PDB file of N, CA and C in Angstrom:
ATOM      1  N   MET A   1     -45.788  61.916   8.651  1.00  0.00           N
ATOM      2  CA  MET A   1     -45.528  63.088   9.695  1.00  0.00           C
ATOM      3  C   MET A   1     -45.116  62.477  11.112  1.00  0.00           C
ATOM      4  N   GLU A   2     -45.976  61.453  11.398  1.00  0.00           N
ATOM      5  CA  GLU A   2     -45.560  60.818  12.779  1.00  0.00           C
ATOM      6  C   GLU A   2     -43.936  60.300  12.799  1.00  0.00           C
ATOM      7  N   ARG A   3     -43.485  59.747  11.666  1.00  0.00           N
ATOM      8  CA  ARG A   3     -42.155  59.289  11.678  1.00  0.00           C
ATOM      9  C   ARG A   3     -41.263  60.651  11.855  1.00  0.00           C
ATOM     10  N   TYR A   4     -41.452  61.582  11.257  1.00  0.00           N
ATOM     11  CA  TYR A   4     -40.482  62.657  11.396  1.00  0.00           C
ATOM     12  C   TYR A   4     -40.638  63.298  12.673  1.00  0.00           C
ATOM     13  N   TYR A   5     -41.768  63.185  13.243  1.00  0.00           N
ATOM     14  CA  TYR A   5     -41.915  63.756  14.635  1.00  0.00           C
ATOM     15  C   TYR A   5     -41.077  62.933  15.656  1.00  0.00           C
ATOM     16  N   HIS A   6     -41.000  61.583  15.518  1.00  0.00           N
ATOM     17  CA  HIS A   6     -40.322  60.818  16.286  1.00  0.00           C
ATOM     18  C   HIS A   6     -38.840  60.895  16.231  1.00  0.00           C
ATOM     19  N   LEU A   7     -38.344  61.224  15.033  1.00  0.00           N
ATOM     20  CA  LEU A   7     -37.061  61.273  14.576  1.00  0.00           C
ATOM     21  C   LEU A   7     -36.569  62.581  15.289  1.00  0.00           C
ATOM     22  N   TYR A   8     -37.400  63.577  15.403  1.00  0.00           N
ATOM     23  CA  TYR A   8     -36.960  64.918  15.982  1.00  0.00           C
ATOM     24  C   TYR A   8     -37.762  65.431  17.218  1.00  0.00           C
ATOM     25  N   GLN A   9     -38.114  64.417  17.999  1.00  0.00           N
ATOM     26  CA  GLN A   9     -39.101  64.632  19.256  1.00  0.00           C
ATOM     27  C   GLN A   9     -38.330  65.480  20.233  1.00  0.00           C
ATOM     28  N   ASP A  10     -37.160  65.214  20.497  1.00  0.00           N
ATOM     29  CA  ASP A  10     -36.387  65.894  21.477  1.00  0.00           C
ATOM     30  C   ASP A  10     -36.263  67.424  21.168  1.00  0.00           C
ATOM     31  N   PHE A  11     -35.766  67.817  19.738  1.00  0.00           N
ATOM     32  CA  PHE A  11     -35.548  68.972  19.200  1.00  0.00           C
ATOM     33  C   PHE A  11     -36.883  69.820  19.117  1.00  0.00           C
ATOM     34  N   LEU A  12     -38.000  69.043  18.700  1.00  0.00           N
ATOM     35  CA  LEU A  12     -39.254  69.724  18.532  1.00  0.00           C
ATOM     36  C   LEU A  12     -39.817  70.084  20.033  1.00  0.00           C
ATOM     37  N   SER A  13     -39.791  69.327  21.054  1.00  0.00           N
ATOM     38  CA  SER A  13     -40.316  69.509  22.270  1.00  0.00           C
ATOM     39  C   SER A  13     -39.487  70.763  22.839  1.00  0.00           C
ATOM     40  N   PHE A  14     -38.173  70.946  22.843  1.00  0.00           N
ATOM     41  CA  PHE A  14     -37.459  71.926  23.308  1.00  0.00           C
ATOM     42  C   PHE A  14     -37.840  73.332  22.526  1.00  0.00           C
ATOM     43  N   LEU A  15     -38.089  73.231  21.259  1.00  0.00           N
ATOM     44  CA  LEU A  15     -38.390  74.254  20.522  1.00  0.00           C
ATOM     45  C   LEU A  15     -39.785  74.753  20.980  1.00  0.00           C
ATOM     46  N   PHE A  16     -40.787  73.887  20.945  1.00  0.00           N
ATOM     47  CA  PHE A  16     -42.108  74.284  21.286  1.00  0.00           C
ATOM     48  C   PHE A  16     -42.256  74.846  22.880  1.00  0.00           C
ATOM     49  N   ALA A  17     -41.479  74.155  23.778  1.00  0.00           N
ATOM     50  CA  ALA A  17     -41.384  74.716  25.076  1.00  0.00           C
ATOM     51  C   ALA A  17     -40.831  76.019  25.228  1.00  0.00           C
ATOM     52  N   GLY A  18     -39.695  76.410  24.466  1.00  0.00           N
ATOM     53  CA  GLY A  18     -39.069  77.694  24.259  1.00  0.00           C
ATOM     54  C   GLY A  18     -40.063  78.906  23.649  1.00  0.00           C
ATOM     55  N   LEU A  19     -40.925  78.266  22.679  1.00  0.00           N
ATOM     56  CA  LEU A  19     -41.842  79.406  22.161  1.00  0.00           C
ATOM     57  C   LEU A  19     -42.882  79.558  23.306  1.00  0.00           C
ATOM     58  N   ILE A  20     -43.470  78.581  23.904  1.00  0.00           N
ATOM     59  CA  ILE A  20     -44.379  78.756  25.026  1.00  0.00           C
ATOM     60  C   ILE A  20     -43.914  79.709  26.030  1.00  0.00           C
ATOM     61  N   LEU A  21     -42.633  79.324  26.557  1.00  0.00           N
ATOM     62  CA  LEU A  21     -42.025  80.188  27.759  1.00  0.00           C
ATOM     63  C   LEU A  21     -41.693  81.589  27.251  1.00  0.00           C
ATOM     64  N   GLY A  22     -41.293  81.874  25.949  1.00  0.00           N
ATOM     65  CA  GLY A  22     -40.979  83.121  25.478  1.00  0.00           C
ATOM     66  C   GLY A  22     -42.257  84.049  25.313  1.00  0.00           C
ATOM     67  N   SER A  23     -43.271  83.281  24.832  1.00  0.00           N
ATOM     68  CA  SER A  23     -44.434  84.077  24.679  1.00  0.00           C
ATOM     69  C   SER A  23     -45.179  84.452  25.963  1.00  0.00           C
ATOM     70  N   ALA A  24     -44.781  83.630  26.873  1.00  0.00           N
ATOM     71  CA  ALA A  24     -45.590  83.906  28.089  1.00  0.00           C
ATOM     72  C   ALA A  24     -45.152  85.264  28.771  1.00  0.00           C
ATOM     73  N   ARG A  25     -44.035  85.869  28.511  1.00  0.00           N
ATOM     74  CA  ARG A  25     -43.636  87.189  29.098  1.00  0.00           C
ATOM     75  C   ARG A  25     -44.525  88.317  28.516  1.00  0.00           C
ATOM     76  N   THR A  26     -45.106  88.194  27.266  1.00  0.00           N
ATOM     77  CA  THR A  26     -45.868  89.023  26.826  1.00  0.00           C
ATOM     78  C   THR A  26     -47.224  89.075  27.410  1.00  0.00           C
ATOM     79  N   LEU A  27     -47.787  87.950  27.971  1.00  0.00           N
ATOM     80  CA  LEU A  27     -48.850  87.714  28.602  1.00  0.00           C
ATOM     81  C   LEU A  27     -49.046  88.303  30.045  1.00  0.00           C
ATOM     82  N   LEU A  28     -48.033  88.599  30.622  1.00  0.00           N
ATOM     83  CA  LEU A  28     -47.819  89.038  32.035  1.00  0.00           C
ATOM     84  C   LEU A  28     -47.773  90.434  31.999  1.00  0.00           C
ATOM     85  N   PRO A  29     -48.745  91.103  33.153  1.00  0.00           N
ATOM     86  CA  PRO A  29     -48.746  92.474  33.268  1.00  0.00           C
ATOM     87  C   PRO A  29     -47.398  92.930  33.779  1.00  0.00           C
ATOM     88  N   GLN A  30     -47.069  94.276  33.369  1.00  0.00           N
ATOM     89  CA  GLN A  30     -45.964  94.798  33.872  1.00  0.00           C
ATOM     90  C   GLN A  30     -46.046  95.262  35.485  1.00  0.00           C
ATOM     91  N   VAL A  31     -47.331  95.418  35.787  1.00  0.00           N
ATOM     92  CA  VAL A  31     -47.623  95.856  37.238  1.00  0.00           C
ATOM     93  C   VAL A  31     -48.698  94.927  37.846  1.00  0.00           C
ATOM     94  N   ILE A  32     -48.395  94.484  38.873  1.00  0.00           N
ATOM     95  CA  ILE A  32     -49.535  93.510  39.506  1.00  0.00           C
ATOM     96  C   ILE A  32     -50.079  94.409  40.518  1.00  0.00           C
ATOM     97  N   ASN A  33     -51.408  94.489  40.436  1.00  0.00           N
ATOM     98  CA  ASN A  33     -52.288  95.152  41.488  1.00  0.00           C
ATOM     99  C   ASN A  33     -53.589  94.377  41.699  1.00  0.00           C
ATOM    100  N   SER A  34     -54.380  95.056  42.520  1.00  0.00           N
ATOM    101  CA  SER A  34     -55.511  93.984  42.959  1.00  0.00           C
ATOM    102  C   SER A  34     -56.490  93.876  41.944  1.00  0.00           C
ATOM    103  N   GLY A  35     -56.614  94.654  40.791  1.00  0.00           N
ATOM    104  CA  GLY A  35     -57.469  94.301  39.685  1.00  0.00           C
ATOM    105  C   GLY A  35     -56.981  93.073  38.957  1.00  0.00           C
ATOM    106  N   VAL A  36     -55.595  93.113  38.791  1.00  0.00           N
ATOM    107  CA  VAL A  36     -55.091  91.909  38.036  1.00  0.00           C
ATOM    108  C   VAL A  36     -55.236  90.555  38.828  1.00  0.00           C
ATOM    109  N   VAL A  37     -55.151  90.640  40.183  1.00  0.00           N
ATOM    110  CA  VAL A  37     -55.142  89.489  40.985  1.00  0.00           C
ATOM    111  C   VAL A  37     -56.683  89.001  40.905  1.00  0.00           C
ATOM    112  N   VAL A  38     -57.801  89.966  40.871  1.00  0.00           N
ATOM    113  CA  VAL A  38     -59.082  89.753  40.928  1.00  0.00           C
ATOM    114  C   VAL A  38     -59.516  88.957  39.515  1.00  0.00           C
ATOM    115  N   ALA A  39     -58.823  89.626  38.483  1.00  0.00           N
ATOM    116  CA  ALA A  39     -59.159  88.978  37.202  1.00  0.00           C
ATOM    117  C   ALA A  39     -58.619  87.610  37.024  1.00  0.00           C
ATOM    118  N   LEU A  40     -57.322  87.538  37.553  1.00  0.00           N
ATOM    119  CA  LEU A  40     -56.764  85.989  37.668  1.00  0.00           C
ATOM    120  C   LEU A  40     -57.693  85.137  38.362  1.00  0.00           C
ATOM    121  N   LEU A  41     -58.098  85.354  39.587  1.00  0.00           N
ATOM    122  CA  LEU A  41     -58.899  84.664  40.382  1.00  0.00           C
ATOM    123  C   LEU A  41     -60.162  84.229  39.842  1.00  0.00           C
ATOM    124  N   PHE A  42     -60.821  85.285  38.939  1.00  0.00           N
ATOM    125  CA  PHE A  42     -62.058  85.030  38.378  1.00  0.00           C
ATOM    126  C   PHE A  42     -61.893  84.313  37.221  1.00  0.00           C
ATOM    127  N   GLY A  43     -61.008  84.426  36.436  1.00  0.00           N
ATOM    128  CA  GLY A  43     -60.511  83.285  35.302  1.00  0.00           C
ATOM    129  C   GLY A  43     -60.285  81.972  35.743  1.00  0.00           C
ATOM    130  N   VAL A  44     -59.436  81.905  36.963  1.00  0.00           N
ATOM    131  CA  VAL A  44     -59.333  80.451  37.485  1.00  0.00           C
ATOM    132  C   VAL A  44     -60.670  79.736  37.749  1.00  0.00           C
ATOM    133  N   LEU A  45     -61.575  80.547  38.599  1.00  0.00           N
ATOM    134  CA  LEU A  45     -62.645  80.094  38.921  1.00  0.00           C
ATOM    135  C   LEU A  45     -63.648  79.719  37.931  1.00  0.00           C
ATOM    136  N   LEU A  46     -63.668  80.559  36.839  1.00  0.00           N
ATOM    137  CA  LEU A  46     -64.522  80.237  35.745  1.00  0.00           C
ATOM    138  C   LEU A  46     -64.257  79.104  34.982  1.00  0.00           C
ATOM    139  N   VAL A  47     -62.942  78.924  34.815  1.00  0.00           N
ATOM    140  CA  VAL A  47     -62.404  77.636  33.984  1.00  0.00           C
ATOM    141  C   VAL A  47     -62.632  76.436  34.857  1.00  0.00           C
ATOM    142  N   TRP A  48     -62.398  76.549  36.225  1.00  0.00           N
ATOM    143  CA  TRP A  48     -62.623  75.458  37.129  1.00  0.00           C
ATOM    144  C   TRP A  48     -64.246  74.991  37.128  1.00  0.00           C
ATOM    145  N   TYR A  49     -65.102  75.881  37.125  1.00  0.00           N
ATOM    146  CA  TYR A  49     -66.426  75.845  37.045  1.00  0.00           C
ATOM    147  C   TYR A  49     -66.970  74.993  35.965  1.00  0.00           C
ATOM    148  N   VAL A  50     -66.339  75.718  34.712  1.00  0.00           N
ATOM    149  CA  VAL A  50     -66.946  75.128  33.527  1.00  0.00           C
ATOM    150  C   VAL A  50     -66.389  73.731  33.342  1.00  0.00           C
ATOM    151  N   SER A  51     -65.159  73.590  33.656  1.00  0.00           N
ATOM    152  CA  SER A  51     -64.610  72.157  33.483  1.00  0.00           C
ATOM    153  C   SER A  51     -65.363  71.220  34.403  1.00  0.00           C
ATOM    154  N   GLU A  52     -65.708  71.420  35.599  1.00  0.00           N
ATOM    155  CA  GLU A  52     -66.441  70.472  36.547  1.00  0.00           C
ATOM    156  C   GLU A  52     -67.892  70.202  36.046  1.00  0.00           C
ATOM    157  N   LYS A  53     -68.540  71.132  35.159  1.00  0.00           N
ATOM    158  CA  LYS A  53     -69.825  71.067  34.710  1.00  0.00           C
ATOM    159  C   LYS A  53     -69.822  70.165  33.545  1.00  0.00           C
ATOM    160  N   TYR A  54     -68.848  70.045  32.831  1.00  0.00           N
ATOM    161  CA  TYR A  54     -68.732  69.273  31.474  1.00  0.00           C
ATOM    162  C   TYR A  54     -67.673  68.243  31.666  1.00  0.00           C
TER     163      TYR A  54
END
């Protein structure tokens, strides 16, 4: 499997990057308001806190 990955590494990297960027659009809200900003900040702070603890 590793051999095939090295053979097609450039193609697969572009493919996966495209899939990630393409799916990111569905995760973004259509309207950004204060609730979305508060939820975003809470999520960032939560991940930051948990990653510092462990």
